[in-house]
Amino acid sequence: MTIPQVYISFVFRAIHEVGDGIAGVSLLFWIGRKFKESRLGGDSGIFFVIMTMGQFTGSIIYGPIGFTYGYSLPLIISGVVTIICAGLFQILRRRLE
């Protein structure tokens, strides 16, 4: 919870979880279409290991920041990092085409 109103925090948490569910299902469909069927297990395994390592690293970094400076700061930082990474991804994608 980043704000003291429990009901508002609950609503936004529920919206967040619905978004996570949609993203997870979309990711599974995307992986199924992107990789060859014969390589699907290994390629998706590597993909999920990288995602898990990213979540673990983020928890190690942002947990202490939230504890020390407040829990809204890690959300802001991770949002900025996500936007920067999306921009870099688009630049690299255009260069590779």
N, C-alpha and C. Protein backbone atom coordinates (compact mmCIF):
# COMPACT_ATOMS: atom_id res chain seq x y z
N MET A 1 0.84 -1.18 0.00
CA MET A 1 0.00 0.00 0.00
C MET A 1 0.88 1.24 0.00
N THR A 2 0.62 2.11 -0.92
CA THR A 2 1.38 3.35 -0.95
C THR A 2 0.57 4.53 -0.46
N ILE A 3 -0.72 4.34 -0.25
CA ILE A 3 -1.57 5.39 0.32
C ILE A 3 -2.35 4.79 1.49
N PRO A 4 -2.76 5.59 2.46
CA PRO A 4 -3.39 5.04 3.65
C PRO A 4 -4.84 4.57 3.46
N GLN A 5 -5.53 4.94 2.38
CA GLN A 5 -6.90 4.50 2.18
C GLN A 5 -6.91 3.05 1.69
N VAL A 6 -7.40 2.15 2.54
CA VAL A 6 -7.34 0.72 2.26
C VAL A 6 -8.15 0.36 1.02
N TYR A 7 -9.34 0.90 0.88
CA TYR A 7 -10.19 0.51 -0.25
C TYR A 7 -9.61 0.96 -1.59
N ILE A 8 -9.04 2.14 -1.64
CA ILE A 8 -8.42 2.62 -2.87
C ILE A 8 -7.20 1.76 -3.20
N SER A 9 -6.40 1.45 -2.19
CA SER A 9 -5.25 0.58 -2.41
C SER A 9 -5.68 -0.79 -2.91
N PHE A 10 -6.77 -1.32 -2.34
CA PHE A 10 -7.26 -2.62 -2.77
C PHE A 10 -7.71 -2.59 -4.23
N VAL A 11 -8.43 -1.56 -4.63
CA VAL A 11 -8.91 -1.45 -6.01
C VAL A 11 -7.73 -1.41 -6.97
N PHE A 12 -6.74 -0.58 -6.67
CA PHE A 12 -5.59 -0.50 -7.57
C PHE A 12 -4.76 -1.77 -7.56
N ARG A 13 -4.71 -2.45 -6.43
CA ARG A 13 -4.01 -3.73 -6.37
C ARG A 13 -4.73 -4.76 -7.22
N ALA A 14 -6.06 -4.77 -7.17
CA ALA A 14 -6.85 -5.69 -7.98
C ALA A 14 -6.64 -5.41 -9.47
N ILE A 15 -6.64 -4.14 -9.86
CA ILE A 15 -6.39 -3.77 -11.25
C ILE A 15 -5.00 -4.24 -11.67
N HIS A 16 -4.03 -4.05 -10.78
CA HIS A 16 -2.66 -4.48 -11.06
C HIS A 16 -2.60 -5.99 -11.29
N GLU A 17 -3.28 -6.75 -10.45
CA GLU A 17 -3.25 -8.21 -10.57
C GLU A 17 -3.95 -8.68 -11.84
N VAL A 18 -5.04 -8.02 -12.23
CA VAL A 18 -5.69 -8.36 -13.50
C VAL A 18 -4.73 -8.11 -14.66
N GLY A 19 -4.02 -6.99 -14.60
CA GLY A 19 -3.02 -6.69 -15.63
C GLY A 19 -1.91 -7.72 -15.67
N ASP A 20 -1.46 -8.16 -14.49
CA ASP A 20 -0.44 -9.21 -14.44
C ASP A 20 -0.95 -10.50 -15.07
N GLY A 21 -2.20 -10.84 -14.80
CA GLY A 21 -2.78 -12.05 -15.38
C GLY A 21 -2.86 -11.97 -16.90
N ILE A 22 -3.32 -10.83 -17.40
CA ILE A 22 -3.40 -10.63 -18.85
C ILE A 22 -2.01 -10.69 -19.47
N ALA A 23 -1.04 -10.05 -18.83
CA ALA A 23 0.33 -10.08 -19.34
C ALA A 23 0.89 -11.50 -19.35
N GLY A 24 0.62 -12.27 -18.31
CA GLY A 24 1.11 -13.64 -18.25
C GLY A 24 0.53 -14.53 -19.33
N VAL A 25 -0.78 -14.43 -19.55
CA VAL A 25 -1.42 -15.22 -20.60
C VAL A 25 -0.93 -14.76 -21.97
N SER A 26 -0.81 -13.46 -22.17
CA SER A 26 -0.31 -12.93 -23.44
C SER A 26 1.11 -13.42 -23.71
N LEU A 27 1.92 -13.46 -22.66
CA LEU A 27 3.29 -13.93 -22.80
C LEU A 27 3.34 -15.38 -23.24
N LEU A 28 2.48 -16.20 -22.68
CA LEU A 28 2.45 -17.62 -23.07
C LEU A 28 2.03 -17.77 -24.53
N PHE A 29 1.03 -17.01 -24.97
CA PHE A 29 0.64 -17.07 -26.38
C PHE A 29 1.76 -16.56 -27.28
N TRP A 30 2.44 -15.50 -26.86
CA TRP A 30 3.52 -14.93 -27.66
C TRP A 30 4.68 -15.93 -27.80
N ILE A 31 5.03 -16.58 -26.70
CA ILE A 31 6.11 -17.57 -26.74
C ILE A 31 5.74 -18.71 -27.68
N GLY A 32 4.49 -19.16 -27.63
CA GLY A 32 4.05 -20.24 -28.50
C GLY A 32 4.11 -19.88 -29.98
N ARG A 33 3.92 -18.62 -30.29
CA ARG A 33 3.97 -18.19 -31.70
C ARG A 33 5.37 -17.82 -32.14
N LYS A 34 6.22 -17.41 -31.21
CA LYS A 34 7.54 -16.88 -31.57
C LYS A 34 8.58 -17.98 -31.79
N PHE A 35 8.56 -19.01 -30.98
CA PHE A 35 9.60 -20.04 -31.04
C PHE A 35 9.11 -21.27 -31.80
N LYS A 36 10.06 -22.01 -32.36
CA LYS A 36 9.74 -23.25 -33.04
C LYS A 36 9.20 -24.26 -32.03
N GLU A 37 8.29 -25.11 -32.50
CA GLU A 37 7.66 -26.08 -31.61
C GLU A 37 8.68 -27.06 -31.02
N SER A 38 9.69 -27.42 -31.79
CA SER A 38 10.70 -28.37 -31.31
C SER A 38 11.60 -27.75 -30.24
N ARG A 39 11.71 -26.42 -30.20
CA ARG A 39 12.59 -25.73 -29.25
C ARG A 39 11.80 -25.00 -28.17
N LEU A 40 10.50 -25.18 -28.13
CA LEU A 40 9.64 -24.40 -27.25
C LEU A 40 9.98 -24.57 -25.77
N GLY A 41 10.26 -25.77 -25.34
CA GLY A 41 10.56 -26.01 -23.92
C GLY A 41 11.82 -25.30 -23.47
N GLY A 42 12.91 -25.45 -24.21
CA GLY A 42 14.18 -24.83 -23.82
C GLY A 42 14.16 -23.33 -23.96
N ASP A 43 13.60 -22.83 -25.06
CA ASP A 43 13.56 -21.38 -25.26
C ASP A 43 12.67 -20.69 -24.23
N SER A 44 11.50 -21.28 -23.97
CA SER A 44 10.63 -20.66 -22.97
C SER A 44 11.23 -20.78 -21.57
N GLY A 45 11.96 -21.88 -21.32
CA GLY A 45 12.63 -22.04 -20.02
C GLY A 45 13.67 -20.95 -19.79
N ILE A 46 14.47 -20.67 -20.80
CA ILE A 46 15.47 -19.60 -20.69
C ILE A 46 14.77 -18.26 -20.47
N PHE A 47 13.70 -18.03 -21.21
CA PHE A 47 12.94 -16.78 -21.08
C PHE A 47 12.43 -16.60 -19.66
N PHE A 48 11.84 -17.66 -19.08
CA PHE A 48 11.29 -17.55 -17.72
C PHE A 48 12.38 -17.46 -16.66
N VAL A 49 13.54 -18.08 -16.89
CA VAL A 49 14.65 -17.93 -15.95
C VAL A 49 15.13 -16.48 -15.92
N ILE A 50 15.24 -15.87 -17.10
CA ILE A 50 15.66 -14.46 -17.17
C ILE A 50 14.64 -13.57 -16.47
N MET A 51 13.34 -13.84 -16.69
CA MET A 51 12.31 -13.04 -16.03
C MET A 51 12.38 -13.21 -14.51
N THR A 52 12.57 -14.42 -14.04
CA THR A 52 12.65 -14.67 -12.59
C THR A 52 13.88 -14.00 -11.99
N MET A 53 15.00 -14.05 -12.70
CA MET A 53 16.20 -13.37 -12.22
C MET A 53 15.97 -11.86 -12.14
N GLY A 54 15.26 -11.30 -13.11
CA GLY A 54 14.94 -9.88 -13.09
C GLY A 54 14.06 -9.51 -11.92
N GLN A 55 13.05 -10.33 -11.62
CA GLN A 55 12.19 -10.07 -10.47
C GLN A 55 12.96 -10.18 -9.16
N PHE A 56 13.82 -11.18 -9.07
CA PHE A 56 14.63 -11.36 -7.86
C PHE A 56 15.58 -10.17 -7.66
N THR A 57 16.25 -9.76 -8.73
CA THR A 57 17.17 -8.63 -8.65
C THR A 57 16.42 -7.36 -8.28
N GLY A 58 15.25 -7.16 -8.88
CA GLY A 58 14.45 -5.99 -8.55
C GLY A 58 14.03 -5.98 -7.09
N SER A 59 13.68 -7.14 -6.56
CA SER A 59 13.30 -7.21 -5.14
C SER A 59 14.47 -6.87 -4.23
N ILE A 60 15.66 -7.35 -4.58
CA ILE A 60 16.84 -7.07 -3.77
C ILE A 60 17.17 -5.57 -3.80
N ILE A 61 17.02 -4.95 -4.97
CA ILE A 61 17.36 -3.53 -5.11
C ILE A 61 16.27 -2.63 -4.54
N TYR A 62 15.02 -2.87 -4.94
CA TYR A 62 13.95 -1.94 -4.59
C TYR A 62 13.39 -2.14 -3.20
N GLY A 63 13.54 -3.34 -2.62
CA GLY A 63 13.06 -3.57 -1.26
C GLY A 63 13.70 -2.64 -0.23
N PRO A 64 15.04 -2.60 -0.17
CA PRO A 64 15.68 -1.69 0.78
C PRO A 64 15.42 -0.21 0.47
N ILE A 65 15.30 0.13 -0.82
CA ILE A 65 15.00 1.53 -1.17
C ILE A 65 13.62 1.90 -0.63
N GLY A 66 12.65 1.01 -0.80
CA GLY A 66 11.30 1.26 -0.28
C GLY A 66 11.27 1.36 1.22
N PHE A 67 12.01 0.50 1.88
CA PHE A 67 12.04 0.52 3.34
C PHE A 67 12.65 1.82 3.85
N THR A 68 13.70 2.29 3.18
CA THR A 68 14.43 3.47 3.63
C THR A 68 13.74 4.77 3.24
N TYR A 69 13.27 4.88 1.99
CA TYR A 69 12.79 6.15 1.47
C TYR A 69 11.29 6.20 1.22
N GLY A 70 10.59 5.13 1.48
CA GLY A 70 9.15 5.09 1.22
C GLY A 70 8.87 4.23 0.00
N TYR A 71 7.72 3.58 0.00
CA TYR A 71 7.44 2.58 -1.03
C TYR A 71 6.97 3.16 -2.35
N SER A 72 6.73 4.45 -2.41
CA SER A 72 6.37 5.03 -3.71
C SER A 72 7.61 5.27 -4.57
N LEU A 73 8.76 5.51 -3.96
CA LEU A 73 9.99 5.78 -4.72
C LEU A 73 10.42 4.59 -5.59
N PRO A 74 10.41 3.35 -5.09
CA PRO A 74 10.77 2.23 -5.98
C PRO A 74 9.81 2.09 -7.16
N LEU A 75 8.54 2.41 -6.96
CA LEU A 75 7.59 2.35 -8.06
C LEU A 75 7.92 3.38 -9.13
N ILE A 76 8.28 4.57 -8.70
CA ILE A 76 8.66 5.63 -9.64
C ILE A 76 9.94 5.24 -10.37
N ILE A 77 10.94 4.77 -9.65
CA ILE A 77 12.21 4.39 -10.26
C ILE A 77 12.01 3.25 -11.25
N SER A 78 11.27 2.22 -10.85
CA SER A 78 11.08 1.08 -11.76
C SER A 78 10.26 1.49 -12.98
N GLY A 79 9.33 2.41 -12.84
CA GLY A 79 8.59 2.92 -13.99
C GLY A 79 9.49 3.64 -14.96
N VAL A 80 10.38 4.49 -14.44
CA VAL A 80 11.33 5.21 -15.30
C VAL A 80 12.27 4.23 -15.99
N VAL A 81 12.77 3.25 -15.26
CA VAL A 81 13.66 2.25 -15.84
C VAL A 81 12.94 1.47 -16.95
N THR A 82 11.68 1.12 -16.72
CA THR A 82 10.90 0.40 -17.74
C THR A 82 10.73 1.24 -19.00
N ILE A 83 10.43 2.52 -18.85
CA ILE A 83 10.26 3.40 -20.01
C ILE A 83 11.58 3.53 -20.77
N ILE A 84 12.69 3.68 -20.05
CA ILE A 84 14.01 3.78 -20.69
C ILE A 84 14.33 2.49 -21.45
N CYS A 85 14.07 1.34 -20.82
CA CYS A 85 14.34 0.06 -21.48
C CYS A 85 13.47 -0.13 -22.72
N ALA A 86 12.22 0.29 -22.65
CA ALA A 86 11.34 0.19 -23.82
C ALA A 86 11.87 1.05 -24.97
N GLY A 87 12.36 2.24 -24.65
CA GLY A 87 12.95 3.10 -25.67
C GLY A 87 14.20 2.49 -26.28
N LEU A 88 15.06 1.94 -25.45
CA LEU A 88 16.27 1.28 -25.95
C LEU A 88 15.92 0.06 -26.80
N PHE A 89 14.92 -0.68 -26.40
CA PHE A 89 14.48 -1.84 -27.17
C PHE A 89 14.02 -1.41 -28.56
N GLN A 90 13.26 -0.33 -28.63
CA GLN A 90 12.79 0.16 -29.93
C GLN A 90 13.95 0.61 -30.82
N ILE A 91 14.92 1.28 -30.22
CA ILE A 91 16.10 1.71 -30.99
C ILE A 91 16.86 0.51 -31.52
N LEU A 92 17.12 -0.49 -30.67
CA LEU A 92 17.84 -1.69 -31.10
C LEU A 92 17.05 -2.47 -32.14
N ARG A 93 15.75 -2.53 -31.98
CA ARG A 93 14.91 -3.26 -32.94
C ARG A 93 14.97 -2.62 -34.32
N ARG A 94 14.95 -1.31 -34.36
CA ARG A 94 15.02 -0.61 -35.66
C ARG A 94 16.39 -0.80 -36.32
N ARG A 95 17.43 -0.84 -35.51
CA ARG A 95 18.78 -1.07 -36.07
C ARG A 95 18.94 -2.46 -36.63
N LEU A 96 18.28 -3.44 -36.03
CA LEU A 96 18.41 -4.83 -36.48
C LEU A 96 17.55 -5.13 -37.70
N GLU A 97 16.59 -4.29 -38.01
CA GLU A 97 15.71 -4.55 -39.17
C GLU A 97 16.37 -4.19 -40.45
